Every structure is written in C-alpha cells, then in structure tokens.
C-alpha cells in the first residue's frame, strides 16, 4: 500500500506565522493540524496559513493557499448512512484525552490494508499526540521523544504502511521539526536530516512510507529552502534537489508520497514561486510536469502532487488561471486526466490507493467541505460524515484510503472539536 501524510504535509512555522499566532491565540492548535495534514499542498513561502486566511481552501485564498499553505479510544456506535448510490457505514471515534473545545479533538489521517489507522489528537491544552487504532477499535497513544509540550507543538502522526509502521513528525520546544518512524510494536526512531535548520519553521518532515519502510519527505534548511530526501528502513538518507527549484526562502524541492518501487511524487517551487510536479524514481531519475491550461495554450499556474500508487499513477490538484483548484490523476506514462466533483466550486485530491481510487474533498455552494471517492474508472461518490457542519469552513475532510476503499478523516461543526471517522462501503 502507498500512503501519504499529508497529509506533507503538511505541514512548519516561520516569522510571519509567529506574528499571526500572537494575534490568533486559540487558532494555534488548528494551525498545527493544518501544518501536518496539508503539507504537500504548497511549496509556500510561509509554512501555513492562519485559519481565517486559509478558510479550509475557500475561494478567497485559492492562489494564496497553494503558495502559503502548510506542510506534511473509545469507540462510539457506528452509524449506517445512505450516501449517493452506495450504502455506507460511518464509525465515529475519539482518542482518550482528546480535547472537546474548538480546534481540539481527534484526527484520523491514514489507514492500511489491515484497517489500522494512524492519527493524532489535540488535548485541552492544544498539544498534539500521536495514536494508532486497530481494526478492532483499540487505541494506543504515543509521543516522540523530544516533542514540545506547548500549544501547537507535540507529536504528529502520518502515513502508515502494510506492516503498521508509521512515518510522522514532531515539533520541539522551539517549533523546529524532526522526523520519526514508529514500528507496529511501538518502537520509535527519531531522526533529523543533516542540513536541517533548527529554528522555528525549519527542520525535517516525513510525508510518505512504502511497504519496505522507506520514507519520503523534505527538510527546510536554515535559509528556509526545502530539499527532498528518502530514508531507507536501515536509516540511510539520500538528499536531492530537482533541477529548476528555486534557492530562496520558501522555494525548493518537496518529496511527498512514495510507492513500493521507491518512486516519489512531489513538487518543487521555482525562482518565481510557481509550483511544478515531479516524479523521482528509486534510481534518482526525475521527470517534471505541469498541468496544461484548460482551453488555452501554455500551463496553469501551480501543480501539486498528493499521492502515488504502485502503478505510478499520481493524484493531486492544480490551481488554474482563474484561481480555481481542480483535481487530477496522472498515469506513469504521463497521461493526465483532470476532474471536478459535480456541483463543486473547488475540488482537492488527498490520496490514492493501490487500485487507483482517489479520495479528497470539495467545497459546495455554501463553502462547506464534503468528501468524495473517485474510482479508477472515474465514477465519483460523494459523502458527508453524519453530524458534520454545513456552513463555510466546516464539514467533512477525507485524508486516507486503503485497498478496500475504506476511508478516514475528520468532521466538525462550527465552534466544535474535531471528530475522527471511519467510512466503509
């Protein structure tokens, strides 16, 4: 199986963010969540947006979001919910210790073939903690050694592979980031790529892990420039930069999802702050690409990859010349298909499974977020977790999918905490 953190994301902080945090106080917990879940979405001059600016992908920040977006229990009764043309079972769950106020709660991020879920929860003080949930519903929380204990800091879970190994990140007391790998038996190995900066908003971020335990990600150096890396299960790290990547702060190369062949899907930011997609083989060969403009010549403004399956098919989204996010899939042969959910004002892809099924989110006419699943043949099923909000900036957010097309994510209402969910067909 192939998984992406990423939500890559993502996921780090900088001076601008810190200035905004001073004014936004309680938003810090949400920012930490955004940092880890949306990391892949932007090469970004600034690691993450404040909640009012980002508006959970709202149209007013379509372009800004891509440029300045973020990086890399007890079980309640399942609810039977009838969705569009498909019977669905939603199970809500909360991690023990999760806070119950706004910007607190439980977030499910990725799920493997066995139904084991990796995620994180935010406690009543705004600190993040990792957790793993078995298919039977048993939840174990964990902390990476060295994780900070202030609001917005802590341990951020990420991608999980078939063996149950999790690749994630933690932020220290100075808001610098470090990677970790946690095996199914609970052993945690932390690491920081050589050259990583140590200041707030710098450091190492993990974005994906494959079945052999090879991790893909990026690090931000002391100048604010990003560089891609892959790390084997033995700990050997290879760093790389895509030709054409910029060398100023907020620019550079960001590795994302990785498949079982060791092929990485990512993006880079050039010297003019434009995002471009890339594919890197295990031998180090890199192919770059951009989405073609719709109905015109040239290419659209920004291209970002979200995940890659074992056949080499990539999913992601791009921002067109009108500032509208549109999802896409790109085959290993380079054939690109773009798509929008019917009735959506904006469509985002979040992940892809081994059969090429894509999950993601879209905004409806009220600017509420809703989930969707797109089969490899192109059929789209939309859904909402029961209890999710229907107003601007609320709703259902889907992050992970496994080979059985079981999906995980979160939902929340205005002013409420995050609730994790598991959706099965």
Protein backbone atom coordinates (compact mmCIF):
# COMPACT_ATOMS: atom_id res chain seq x y z
CA UNK A 1 0.00 0.00 0.00
CA UNK A 2 1.00 3.59 -0.55
CA UNK A 3 0.20 6.30 1.90
CA UNK A 4 0.76 9.99 2.16
CA UNK A 5 0.75 12.13 5.22
CA UNK A 6 -0.47 14.52 4.06
CA UNK A 7 -1.32 14.67 4.84
CA UNK A 8 3.02 16.85 3.78
CA UNK A 9 2.30 17.52 4.84
CA UNK A 10 1.57 19.10 5.86
CA UNK A 11 2.69 20.57 7.29
CA UNK A 12 6.29 24.31 9.56
CA UNK A 13 6.25 27.73 11.14
CA UNK A 14 8.12 30.94 10.32
CA UNK A 15 8.35 34.52 11.48
CA UNK A 16 5.21 35.58 9.66
CA UNK A 17 3.24 32.75 11.16
CA UNK A 18 4.51 33.50 14.63
CA UNK A 19 3.37 37.10 14.28
CA UNK A 20 -0.06 35.89 13.27
CA UNK A 21 -0.19 33.37 16.09
CA UNK A 22 0.30 36.14 18.65
CA UNK A 23 -2.96 37.63 17.42
CA UNK A 24 -4.85 34.38 16.99
CA UNK A 25 -4.16 32.52 20.24
CA UNK A 26 -6.58 29.62 20.20
CA UNK A 27 -6.04 29.03 16.50
CA UNK A 28 -2.60 27.57 17.20
CA UNK A 29 -3.99 24.08 17.63
CA UNK A 30 -5.74 24.25 14.32
CA UNK A 31 -2.58 25.60 12.71
CA UNK A 32 -0.63 22.62 13.97
CA UNK A 33 -3.25 20.34 12.43
CA UNK A 34 -3.10 22.20 9.13
CA UNK A 35 0.68 22.05 9.19
CA UNK A 36 0.72 18.28 9.26
CA UNK A 37 -2.25 17.48 7.11
CA UNK A 38 -1.81 19.89 4.26
CA UNK A 39 1.97 19.89 3.98
CA UNK A 40 2.03 18.62 0.42
CA UNK A 41 -0.26 21.29 -0.89
CA UNK A 42 2.16 24.11 -1.20
CA UNK A 43 5.73 24.93 -1.65
CA UNK A 44 4.88 28.05 0.15
CA UNK A 45 6.86 30.96 1.24
CA UNK A 46 5.09 30.72 4.57
CA UNK A 47 4.62 27.26 6.04
CA UNK A 48 0.98 27.60 6.96
CA UNK A 49 -1.90 30.00 6.86
CA UNK A 50 -3.88 31.31 9.72
CA UNK A 51 -7.35 29.81 9.93
CA UNK A 52 -9.13 32.97 8.73
CA UNK A 53 -6.81 33.27 5.75
CA UNK A 54 -6.97 29.67 4.67
CA UNK A 55 -10.69 29.18 5.29
CA UNK A 56 -10.18 25.49 4.64
CA UNK A 57 -9.47 26.00 0.94
CA UNK A 58 -12.02 28.78 0.40
CA UNK A 59 -12.06 30.66 -2.86
CA UNK A 60 -10.75 33.91 -1.47
CA UNK A 61 -7.38 32.27 -0.84
CA UNK A 62 -7.20 29.79 -3.74
CA UNK A 63 -3.92 31.13 -5.03
CA UNK A 64 -2.54 32.17 -1.65
CA UNK A 65 -3.35 28.78 -0.19
CA UNK A 66 -1.14 26.97 -2.65
CA UNK A 67 1.68 29.43 -2.21
CA UNK A 68 1.44 29.84 1.55
CA UNK A 69 -0.28 26.64 2.74
CA UNK A 70 1.05 24.19 5.28
CA UNK A 71 3.41 21.33 5.28
CA UNK A 72 3.40 17.18 5.53
CA UNK A 73 -10.15 5.49 22.26
CA UNK A 74 -13.23 4.91 22.92
CA UNK A 75 -15.41 3.71 20.06
CA UNK A 76 -18.86 5.19 19.65
CA UNK A 77 -21.57 3.17 17.89
CA UNK A 78 -21.26 3.02 14.11
CA UNK A 79 -23.89 4.89 12.11
CA UNK A 80 -25.49 3.48 8.99
CA UNK A 81 -25.69 6.28 6.47
CA UNK A 82 -27.10 6.16 2.99
CA UNK A 83 -24.94 8.10 0.55
CA UNK A 84 -25.24 8.70 -3.18
CA UNK A 85 -25.93 5.28 -4.76
CA UNK A 86 -23.81 3.50 -2.13
CA UNK A 87 -24.63 2.14 1.34
CA UNK A 88 -22.06 3.47 3.78
CA UNK A 89 -21.22 2.80 7.39
CA UNK A 90 -19.67 5.64 9.35
CA UNK A 91 -17.97 4.98 12.67
CA UNK A 92 -17.03 7.99 14.76
CA UNK A 93 -14.29 7.64 17.36
CA UNK A 94 -12.41 9.83 19.80
CA UNK A 95 -8.96 9.28 21.25
CA UNK A 96 -8.88 9.18 25.06
CA UNK A 97 -7.53 12.51 26.25
CA UNK A 98 -8.70 14.46 23.23
CA UNK A 99 -9.95 17.96 23.99
CA UNK A 100 -13.58 18.87 23.46
CA UNK A 101 -13.31 22.56 22.56
CA UNK A 102 -12.90 24.17 19.17
CA UNK A 103 -9.62 23.23 17.41
CA UNK A 104 -9.18 20.26 19.73
CA UNK A 105 -10.23 16.65 19.22
CA UNK A 106 -9.27 13.64 17.09
CA UNK A 107 -7.97 13.43 13.52
CA UNK A 108 -7.69 10.18 11.51
CA UNK A 109 -5.03 10.52 8.84
CA UNK A 110 -4.15 7.24 7.15
CA UNK A 111 -5.29 3.60 7.08
CA UNK A 112 -3.51 0.46 5.93
CA UNK A 113 -4.70 -2.77 4.31
CA UNK A 114 -5.47 -4.36 7.69
CA UNK A 115 -7.64 -1.43 8.74
CA UNK A 116 -5.12 0.00 11.21
CA UNK A 117 -5.45 3.78 11.44
CA UNK A 118 -2.76 6.35 12.23
CA UNK A 119 -3.76 9.74 13.52
CA UNK A 120 -3.32 12.40 16.14
CA UNK A 121 -5.38 14.16 18.75
CA UNK A 122 -5.24 17.58 20.34
CA UNK A 123 -5.72 17.77 24.09
CA UNK A 124 -7.31 20.53 26.16
CA UNK A 125 -4.05 22.49 26.19
CA UNK A 126 -3.58 22.34 22.41
CA UNK A 127 -0.73 19.80 22.42
CA UNK A 128 -0.77 17.12 19.72
CA UNK A 129 -0.31 13.41 20.46
CA UNK A 130 0.00 10.52 18.02
CA UNK A 131 -2.25 7.48 18.11
CA UNK A 132 -2.76 4.18 16.35
CA UNK A 133 -6.16 2.43 16.23
CA UNK A 134 -6.52 -1.27 15.49
CA UNK A 135 -9.25 -2.67 13.25
CA UNK A 136 -10.97 -3.84 16.44
CA UNK A 137 -11.10 -0.27 17.74
CA UNK A 138 -8.34 -0.38 20.35
CA UNK A 139 -6.39 2.88 20.53
CA UNK A 140 -2.80 3.41 21.68
CA UNK A 141 -1.40 6.90 22.01
CA UNK A 142 2.29 7.70 21.71
CA UNK A 143 4.81 10.53 21.95
CA UNK A 144 8.07 11.05 20.14
CA UNK A 145 10.98 11.76 22.46
CA UNK A 146 11.83 15.45 22.35
CA UNK A 147 8.37 16.62 21.31
CA UNK A 148 7.37 20.02 22.66
CA UNK A 149 4.62 20.37 25.23
CA UNK A 150 3.26 23.82 24.44
CA UNK A 151 0.10 24.51 22.46
CA UNK A 152 0.67 23.79 18.77
CA UNK A 153 3.62 21.51 19.48
CA UNK A 154 3.84 17.77 20.03
CA UNK A 155 3.73 14.56 18.01
CA UNK A 156 2.04 14.46 14.60
CA UNK A 157 1.19 11.08 13.17
CA UNK A 158 1.33 10.50 9.45
CA UNK A 159 1.48 7.77 6.84
CA UNK A 160 1.17 4.07 7.76
CA UNK A 161 2.31 1.09 5.70
CA UNK A 162 1.10 -2.52 5.48
CA UNK A 163 3.32 -3.59 8.40
CA UNK A 164 1.82 -0.91 10.64
CA UNK A 165 4.92 1.28 10.61
CA UNK A 166 4.12 4.98 10.86
CA UNK A 167 6.18 7.85 9.49
CA UNK A 168 5.48 11.18 11.13
CA UNK A 169 6.91 14.33 12.63
CA UNK A 170 7.22 16.12 15.90
CA UNK A 171 7.89 19.74 16.77
CA UNK A 172 10.27 20.56 19.59
CA UNK A 173 10.08 23.35 22.16
CA UNK A 174 11.44 25.81 19.58
CA UNK A 175 8.91 24.76 16.90
CA UNK A 176 11.60 23.11 14.80
CA UNK A 177 10.56 19.84 13.16
CA UNK A 178 12.02 16.34 13.24
CA UNK A 179 11.02 13.05 11.64
CA UNK A 180 10.18 9.77 13.32
CA UNK A 181 9.36 6.19 12.39
CA UNK A 182 7.24 4.07 14.76
CA UNK A 183 7.03 0.31 14.25
CA UNK A 184 3.92 -1.75 14.98
CA UNK A 185 5.42 -2.90 18.30
CA UNK A 186 5.77 0.71 19.43
CA UNK A 187 9.50 1.30 18.92
CA UNK A 188 10.10 4.90 17.83
CA UNK A 189 13.20 6.09 15.99
CA UNK A 190 13.62 9.84 15.59
CA UNK A 191 15.85 11.48 13.01
CA UNK A 192 16.79 14.84 11.55
CA UNK A 193 18.26 15.12 8.07
CA UNK A 194 21.71 16.70 8.05
CA UNK A 195 21.42 20.29 6.90
CA UNK A 196 18.03 20.84 8.50
CA UNK A 197 17.55 24.21 10.14
CA UNK A 198 16.92 24.33 13.87
CA UNK A 199 14.82 27.47 14.12
CA UNK A 200 11.04 27.75 14.19
CA UNK A 201 9.59 26.71 10.86
CA UNK A 202 12.64 24.69 9.84
CA UNK A 203 13.61 21.04 10.13
CA UNK A 204 12.63 17.61 8.81
CA UNK A 205 9.18 16.47 7.67
CA UNK A 206 8.08 12.95 6.68
CA UNK A 207 5.39 12.69 4.02
CA UNK A 208 5.11 9.06 2.92
CA UNK A 209 6.22 5.49 3.63
CA UNK A 210 6.14 2.35 1.49
CA UNK A 211 5.89 -1.37 2.30
CA UNK A 212 9.66 -1.74 2.74
CA UNK A 213 9.75 1.09 5.28
CA UNK A 214 11.41 3.65 3.01
CA UNK A 215 10.31 7.15 3.96
CA UNK A 216 9.90 10.13 1.66
CA UNK A 217 9.88 13.76 2.74
CA UNK A 218 11.76 17.02 2.76
CA UNK A 219 13.73 19.25 5.07
CA UNK A 220 13.97 23.01 5.35
CA UNK A 221 17.44 24.43 5.88
CA UNK A 222 18.49 27.46 7.90
CA UNK A 223 17.81 29.72 4.90
CA UNK A 224 14.25 28.46 4.54
CA UNK A 225 14.93 26.44 1.38
CA UNK A 226 13.39 22.96 1.00
CA UNK A 227 15.25 19.84 -0.12
CA UNK A 228 13.83 16.37 -0.81
CA UNK A 229 15.01 13.16 0.87
CA UNK A 230 14.37 9.44 1.04
CA UNK A 231 15.33 7.35 4.08
CA UNK A 232 15.60 3.56 3.99
CA UNK A 233 14.41 1.30 6.81
CA UNK A 234 18.08 0.94 7.77
CA UNK A 235 18.41 4.70 8.21
CA UNK A 236 20.40 5.57 5.10
CA UNK A 237 19.34 9.00 3.81
CA UNK A 238 19.62 10.32 0.26
CA UNK A 239 19.04 14.02 -0.32
CA UNK A 240 18.11 15.53 -3.68
CA UNK A 241 17.05 18.73 -5.42
CA UNK A 242 15.02 18.98 -8.59
CA UNK A 243 16.65 20.97 -11.38
CA UNK A 244 14.81 24.26 -11.68
CA UNK A 245 13.90 24.51 -8.00
CA UNK A 246 14.41 27.96 -6.51
CA UNK A 247 17.00 28.67 -3.84
CA UNK A 248 15.30 31.45 -1.89
CA UNK A 249 13.30 31.06 1.31
CA UNK A 250 10.00 29.29 0.64
CA UNK A 251 11.32 27.70 -2.55
CA UNK A 252 12.99 24.37 -3.25
CA UNK A 253 12.08 20.68 -3.52
CA UNK A 254 9.49 18.77 -1.51
CA UNK A 255 9.20 14.99 -1.71
CA UNK A 256 5.75 13.57 -0.99
CA UNK A 257 4.21 10.12 -1.40
CA UNK A 258 6.30 7.07 -2.22
CA UNK A 259 5.23 3.74 -3.75
CA UNK A 260 6.59 0.25 -3.29
CA UNK A 261 9.04 0.67 -6.19
CA UNK A 262 10.54 3.65 -4.37
CA UNK A 263 9.13 6.20 -6.83
CA UNK A 264 8.39 9.54 -5.21
CA UNK A 265 5.73 12.05 -6.20
CA UNK A 266 6.36 15.62 -5.12
CA UNK A 267 6.58 19.20 -6.25
CA UNK A 268 9.11 21.98 -6.42
CA UNK A 269 8.90 25.76 -6.28
CA UNK A 270 10.88 27.68 -8.83
CA UNK A 271 12.59 31.06 -8.53
CA UNK A 272 9.33 32.83 -9.43
CA UNK A 273 7.39 30.95 -6.74
CA UNK A 274 5.48 28.77 -9.21
CA UNK A 275 4.79 25.14 -8.23
CA UNK A 276 5.58 22.24 -10.56
CA UNK A 277 5.02 18.50 -10.13
CA UNK A 278 7.78 15.90 -10.32
CA UNK A 279 8.30 12.14 -10.23
CA UNK A 280 11.58 10.66 -8.97
CA UNK A 281 12.49 7.01 -9.47
CA UNK A 282 14.44 4.97 -6.94
CA UNK A 283 17.47 5.36 -9.26
CA UNK A 284 17.20 9.13 -8.96
CA UNK A 285 15.80 9.94 -12.42
CA UNK A 286 13.44 12.93 -12.21
CA UNK A 287 10.60 13.85 -14.56
CA UNK A 288 8.88 17.19 -14.09
CA UNK A 289 5.42 18.12 -15.33
CA UNK A 290 2.79 20.85 -15.31
CA UNK A 291 -0.92 20.72 -15.92
CA UNK A 292 -1.99 22.15 -19.28
CA UNK A 293 -4.24 25.16 -19.31
CA UNK A 294 -7.88 24.35 -19.94
CA UNK A 295 -8.91 25.64 -23.33
CA UNK A 296 -5.76 27.70 -23.93
CA UNK A 297 -2.07 27.18 -24.55
CA UNK A 298 0.70 27.03 -22.00
CA UNK A 299 0.35 25.66 -18.48
CA UNK A 300 -1.64 26.55 -15.43
CA UNK A 301 -0.17 28.37 -12.51
CA UNK A 302 0.54 25.76 -9.84
CA UNK A 303 0.72 21.96 -9.76
CA UNK A 304 0.92 19.91 -6.56
CA UNK A 305 1.04 16.12 -6.11
CA UNK A 306 -0.82 14.40 -3.25
CA UNK A 307 0.00 10.72 -3.62
CA UNK A 308 1.21 7.91 -5.88
CA UNK A 309 0.09 4.30 -6.27
CA UNK A 310 2.14 1.22 -7.12
CA UNK A 311 1.39 1.59 -10.83
CA UNK A 312 2.94 5.04 -10.74
CA UNK A 313 -0.34 6.94 -11.05
CA UNK A 314 -0.21 10.27 -9.25
CA UNK A 315 -3.08 12.28 -7.88
CA UNK A 316 -3.10 15.89 -6.80
CA UNK A 317 -4.63 19.19 -7.73
CA UNK A 318 -3.67 22.32 -9.58
CA UNK A 319 -4.80 25.92 -9.50
CA UNK A 320 -5.96 27.20 -12.86
CA UNK A 321 -5.51 30.70 -14.23
CA UNK A 322 -8.77 31.76 -12.58
CA UNK A 323 -7.50 30.65 -9.18
CA UNK A 324 -9.77 27.58 -9.00
CA UNK A 325 -8.35 24.30 -7.58
CA UNK A 326 -9.05 21.27 -9.83
CA UNK A 327 -8.08 17.66 -9.10
CA UNK A 328 -6.14 15.41 -11.45
CA UNK A 329 -4.67 11.96 -11.95
CA UNK A 330 -1.51 11.37 -13.97
CA UNK A 331 -0.52 7.90 -15.19
CA UNK A 332 3.05 6.60 -15.23
CA UNK A 333 3.01 7.24 -18.98
CA UNK A 334 2.28 10.90 -18.37
CA UNK A 335 -1.40 10.92 -19.40
CA UNK A 336 -3.26 13.49 -17.30
CA UNK A 337 -6.99 13.49 -16.53
CA UNK A 338 -8.50 16.41 -14.66
CA UNK A 339 -11.80 16.25 -12.79
CA UNK A 340 -14.22 18.23 -10.66
CA UNK A 341 -16.98 16.92 -8.45
CA UNK A 342 -20.39 17.88 -9.85
CA UNK A 343 -21.65 20.99 -8.06
CA UNK A 344 -18.26 21.75 -6.52
CA UNK A 345 -16.74 25.20 -6.53
CA UNK A 346 -13.29 23.72 -5.76
CA UNK A 347 -12.01 20.13 -5.83
CA UNK A 348 -8.98 18.75 -3.97
CA UNK A 349 -7.40 15.28 -4.14
CA UNK A 350 -5.93 13.88 -0.92
CA UNK A 351 -4.82 10.30 -1.56
CA UNK A 352 -4.85 7.26 -3.83
CA UNK A 353 -4.94 3.50 -3.16
CA UNK A 354 -3.37 0.56 -4.98
CA UNK A 355 -6.27 0.24 -7.44
CA UNK A 356 -6.14 3.92 -8.38
CA UNK A 357 -9.18 5.04 -6.39
CA UNK A 358 -8.81 8.66 -5.26
CA UNK A 359 -10.25 10.37 -2.19
CA UNK A 360 -10.48 14.04 -1.47
CA UNK A 361 -12.63 16.97 -0.54
CA UNK A 362 -14.62 19.58 -2.37
CA UNK A 363 -16.39 22.79 -1.48
CA UNK A 364 -20.10 23.09 -2.10
CA UNK A 365 -22.02 26.28 -2.88
CA UNK A 366 -22.04 27.16 0.84
CA UNK A 367 -18.25 26.72 1.04
CA UNK A 368 -18.67 23.73 3.36
CA UNK A 369 -16.27 20.83 2.80
CA UNK A 370 -17.62 17.45 1.66
CA UNK A 371 -15.90 14.16 0.90
CA UNK A 372 -15.70 12.15 -2.28
CA UNK A 373 -14.29 8.90 -3.63
CA UNK A 374 -13.40 8.59 -7.32
CA UNK A 375 -12.97 5.08 -8.69
CA UNK A 376 -10.21 4.21 -11.13
CA UNK A 377 -12.86 4.27 -13.89
CA UNK A 378 -13.82 7.84 -12.98
CA UNK A 379 -17.11 7.25 -11.13
CA UNK A 380 -17.46 9.68 -8.21
CA UNK A 381 -19.33 9.05 -4.96
CA UNK A 382 -19.83 11.98 -2.57
CA UNK A 383 -20.47 11.71 1.14
CA UNK A 384 -20.72 13.58 4.43
CA UNK A 385 -19.99 12.21 7.88
CA UNK A 386 -23.19 12.36 9.98
CA UNK A 387 -23.06 15.41 12.22
CA UNK A 388 -20.65 17.35 10.06
CA UNK A 389 -21.18 21.07 9.64
CA UNK A 390 -22.83 22.58 6.60
CA UNK A 391 -21.59 26.16 6.87
CA UNK A 392 -18.49 27.85 5.50
CA UNK A 393 -15.26 26.36 6.82
CA UNK A 394 -16.90 23.30 8.42
CA UNK A 395 -17.81 19.86 7.14
CA UNK A 396 -16.17 16.55 6.24
CA UNK A 397 -12.46 16.21 5.45
CA UNK A 398 -11.13 12.95 3.98
CA UNK A 399 -7.42 12.10 4.24
CA UNK A 400 -6.78 8.38 3.82
CA UNK A 401 -7.94 5.34 1.81
CA UNK A 402 -6.89 1.67 1.76
CA UNK A 403 -7.24 -1.14 -0.77
CA UNK A 404 -10.79 -1.94 0.42
CA UNK A 405 -11.73 1.70 -0.26
CA UNK A 406 -12.23 2.29 3.45
CA UNK A 407 -11.66 5.97 4.08
CA UNK A 408 -10.72 8.00 7.14
CA UNK A 409 -10.74 11.65 8.08
CA UNK A 410 -12.43 14.13 10.36
CA UNK A 411 -15.55 16.24 10.59
CA UNK A 412 -16.61 19.14 12.73
CA UNK A 413 -19.28 21.78 13.18
CA UNK A 414 -18.76 25.49 13.71
CA UNK A 415 -17.14 26.03 17.10
CA UNK A 416 -16.86 22.33 17.81
CA UNK A 417 -13.95 19.89 18.17
CA UNK A 418 -12.61 17.53 15.50
CA UNK A 419 -14.18 14.08 15.35
CA UNK A 420 -12.39 11.21 13.61
CA UNK A 421 -14.39 8.90 11.36
CA UNK A 422 -14.02 5.63 9.54
CA UNK A 423 -16.18 5.06 6.44
CA UNK A 424 -16.71 1.60 4.95
CA UNK A 425 -18.79 0.57 1.95
